[in-house]
């Protein structure tokens, strides 16, 4: 399935894929989200 930072073409997904995208656990993405936010903050501070 898609990652936090991967775009998904909703119209190309079948119903099962759309349901999986809507119900995926947020916890599985939380580490990736944290790393992405930290990277953005570091780049913004070093500006």
C-alpha atoms as a PDB file:
ATOM      1  CA  UNK A   1       0.000   0.000   0.000  1.00  0.00           C
ATOM      2  CA  UNK A   2       1.102   3.611  -0.159  1.00  0.00           C
ATOM      3  CA  UNK A   3       3.417   5.282   2.293  1.00  0.00           C
ATOM      4  CA  UNK A   4       2.827   8.603   3.999  1.00  0.00           C
ATOM      5  CA  UNK A   5       4.855  10.477   1.393  1.00  0.00           C
ATOM      6  CA  UNK A   6       3.573   8.592  -1.667  1.00  0.00           C
ATOM      7  CA  UNK A   7       0.762  10.013  -3.769  1.00  0.00           C
ATOM      8  CA  UNK A   8      -2.087   7.665  -4.554  1.00  0.00           C
ATOM      9  CA  UNK A   9      -4.357   8.109  -7.551  1.00  0.00           C
ATOM     10  CA  UNK A  10      -7.671   7.521  -5.833  1.00  0.00           C
ATOM     11  CA  UNK A  11      -9.534   7.110  -9.128  1.00  0.00           C
ATOM     12  CA  UNK A  12      -7.209   4.275 -10.175  1.00  0.00           C
ATOM     13  CA  UNK A  13      -7.846   2.303  -6.969  1.00  0.00           C
ATOM     14  CA  UNK A  14     -10.539  -0.311  -6.830  1.00  0.00           C
ATOM     15  CA  UNK A  15     -12.999  -0.321  -3.932  1.00  0.00           C
ATOM     16  CA  UNK A  16     -10.884  -2.712  -1.844  1.00  0.00           C
ATOM     17  CA  UNK A  17      -7.781  -0.549  -2.275  1.00  0.00           C
ATOM     18  CA  UNK A  18      -9.693   2.591  -1.353  1.00  0.00           C
ATOM     19  CA  UNK A  19     -11.044   0.906   1.779  1.00  0.00           C
ATOM     20  CA  UNK A  20      -7.536  -0.252   2.744  1.00  0.00           C
ATOM     21  CA  UNK A  21      -6.214   3.286   2.305  1.00  0.00           C
ATOM     22  CA  UNK A  22      -8.969   4.693   4.491  1.00  0.00           C
ATOM     23  CA  UNK A  23      -8.568   2.129   7.250  1.00  0.00           C
ATOM     24  CA  UNK A  24      -4.783   1.779   7.428  1.00  0.00           C
ATOM     25  CA  UNK A  25      -3.554   2.268  10.988  1.00  0.00           C
ATOM     26  CA  UNK A  26      -2.112   5.683  11.685  1.00  0.00           C
ATOM     27  CA  UNK A  27       0.407   4.118  14.045  1.00  0.00           C
ATOM     28  CA  UNK A  28       2.183   2.397  11.173  1.00  0.00           C
ATOM     29  CA  UNK A  29       2.864   5.785   9.605  1.00  0.00           C
ATOM     30  CA  UNK A  30       3.691   7.648  12.817  1.00  0.00           C
ATOM     31  CA  UNK A  31       7.459   7.010  12.674  1.00  0.00           C
ATOM     32  CA  UNK A  32       7.587   8.084   9.056  1.00  0.00           C
ATOM     33  CA  UNK A  33       5.559  11.206   9.849  1.00  0.00           C
ATOM     34  CA  UNK A  34       7.858  12.071  12.754  1.00  0.00           C
ATOM     35  CA  UNK A  35      10.962  11.670  10.599  1.00  0.00           C
ATOM     36  CA  UNK A  36       9.458  13.760   7.807  1.00  0.00           C
ATOM     37  CA  UNK A  37       8.477  16.567  10.187  1.00  0.00           C
ATOM     38  CA  UNK A  38      11.899  16.561  11.841  1.00  0.00           C
ATOM     39  CA  UNK A  39      13.567  16.766   8.425  1.00  0.00           C
ATOM     40  CA  UNK A  40      11.349  19.707   7.394  1.00  0.00           C
ATOM     41  CA  UNK A  41      12.051  21.526  10.651  1.00  0.00           C
ATOM     42  CA  UNK A  42      15.800  21.002  10.311  1.00  0.00           C
ATOM     43  CA  UNK A  43      15.787  22.347   6.741  1.00  0.00           C
ATOM     44  CA  UNK A  44      13.669  25.348   7.766  1.00  0.00           C
ATOM     45  CA  UNK A  45      16.015  26.189  10.645  1.00  0.00           C
ATOM     46  CA  UNK A  46      19.127  25.925   8.501  1.00  0.00           C
ATOM     47  CA  UNK A  47      17.346  27.976   5.912  1.00  0.00           C
END
